[in-house]
Protein backbone atom coordinates (compact mmCIF):
# COMPACT_ATOMS: atom_id res chain seq x y z
CA MET A 1 176.89 122.03 111.23
CA PHE A 2 180.42 121.36 110.05
CA ASP A 3 182.16 119.41 107.32
CA ARG A 4 184.43 116.42 107.96
CA SER A 5 187.28 118.26 106.28
CA ASP A 6 187.06 120.96 109.00
CA VAL A 7 188.00 118.31 111.58
CA PHE A 8 190.81 116.84 109.47
CA VAL A 9 192.38 120.21 108.66
CA ARG A 10 192.09 121.45 112.27
CA ASP A 11 193.81 118.28 113.54
CA GLN A 12 196.34 118.31 110.67
CA TRP A 13 195.20 114.86 109.50
CA THR A 14 196.76 113.38 112.67
CA CYS A 15 195.02 110.75 114.79
CA GLN A 16 194.20 112.37 118.12
CA ILE A 17 194.05 108.94 119.80
CA CYS A 18 197.50 107.54 118.92
CA GLY A 19 199.25 110.68 117.61
CA LEU A 20 200.30 109.22 114.25
CA PRO A 21 199.37 110.67 110.84
CA THR A 22 196.37 109.22 109.03
CA ASP A 23 196.69 107.97 105.44
CA VAL A 24 194.74 110.44 103.31
CA THR A 25 195.01 108.14 100.26
CA ALA A 26 193.81 104.99 102.06
CA SER A 27 190.57 103.23 101.21
CA PRO A 28 187.72 104.16 103.60
CA PHE A 29 187.94 100.56 104.88
CA ASP A 30 191.67 100.72 105.65
CA PRO A 31 192.44 100.94 109.40
CA ALA A 32 194.87 103.83 108.67
CA SER A 33 192.21 105.96 106.94
CA PRO A 34 190.99 109.16 108.64
CA THR A 35 187.61 109.21 110.38
CA VAL A 36 185.73 111.70 112.51
CA ASP A 37 185.60 110.49 116.12
CA HIS A 38 183.27 111.87 118.76
CA VAL A 39 185.34 112.55 121.91
CA VAL A 40 182.26 112.03 124.10
CA PRO A 41 180.32 109.36 122.17
CA LEU A 42 176.86 110.24 120.92
CA SER A 43 175.58 107.16 122.78
CA LYS A 44 176.89 108.67 126.00
CA GLY A 45 175.26 112.07 125.49
CA GLY A 46 177.97 113.73 123.41
CA GLU A 47 176.96 116.28 120.82
CA HIS A 48 177.63 116.26 117.09
CA THR A 49 179.65 119.47 117.19
CA LEU A 50 183.07 120.48 115.92
CA ALA A 51 184.24 120.89 119.54
CA ASN A 52 183.31 117.26 120.33
CA THR A 53 185.06 115.72 117.34
CA GLN A 54 188.59 114.74 116.47
CA CYS A 55 190.46 113.12 113.62
CA SER A 56 191.31 109.47 114.22
CA HIS A 57 192.38 106.37 112.33
CA LEU A 58 189.51 104.04 111.49
CA GLY A 59 191.33 101.36 113.49
CA CYS A 60 191.80 103.57 116.57
CA ASN A 61 188.22 104.81 116.39
CA SER A 62 186.89 101.25 116.08
CA SER A 63 188.93 99.99 119.03
CA LYS A 64 187.73 102.92 121.15
CA SER A 65 184.12 101.86 120.52
CA ASP A 66 181.78 104.00 122.66
CA HIS A 67 184.34 104.93 125.32
CA ALA A 68 185.59 108.49 125.76
CA ALA A 69 189.18 109.11 124.70
């Protein structure tokens, strides 16, 4: 198991989908806020592991839906 902060620190709080920094101070509902994204979605057989996660903006993660990056 891993902590969300492990993903954010590893990825330097940068969205791995668009390449722009996330807003650490943003509300969790703000599209610029950092989220943990599964590279291969869980719904598509991806695992909940550190290797299968990346930092992403809430907005980028939401627009990706259940498609692989």
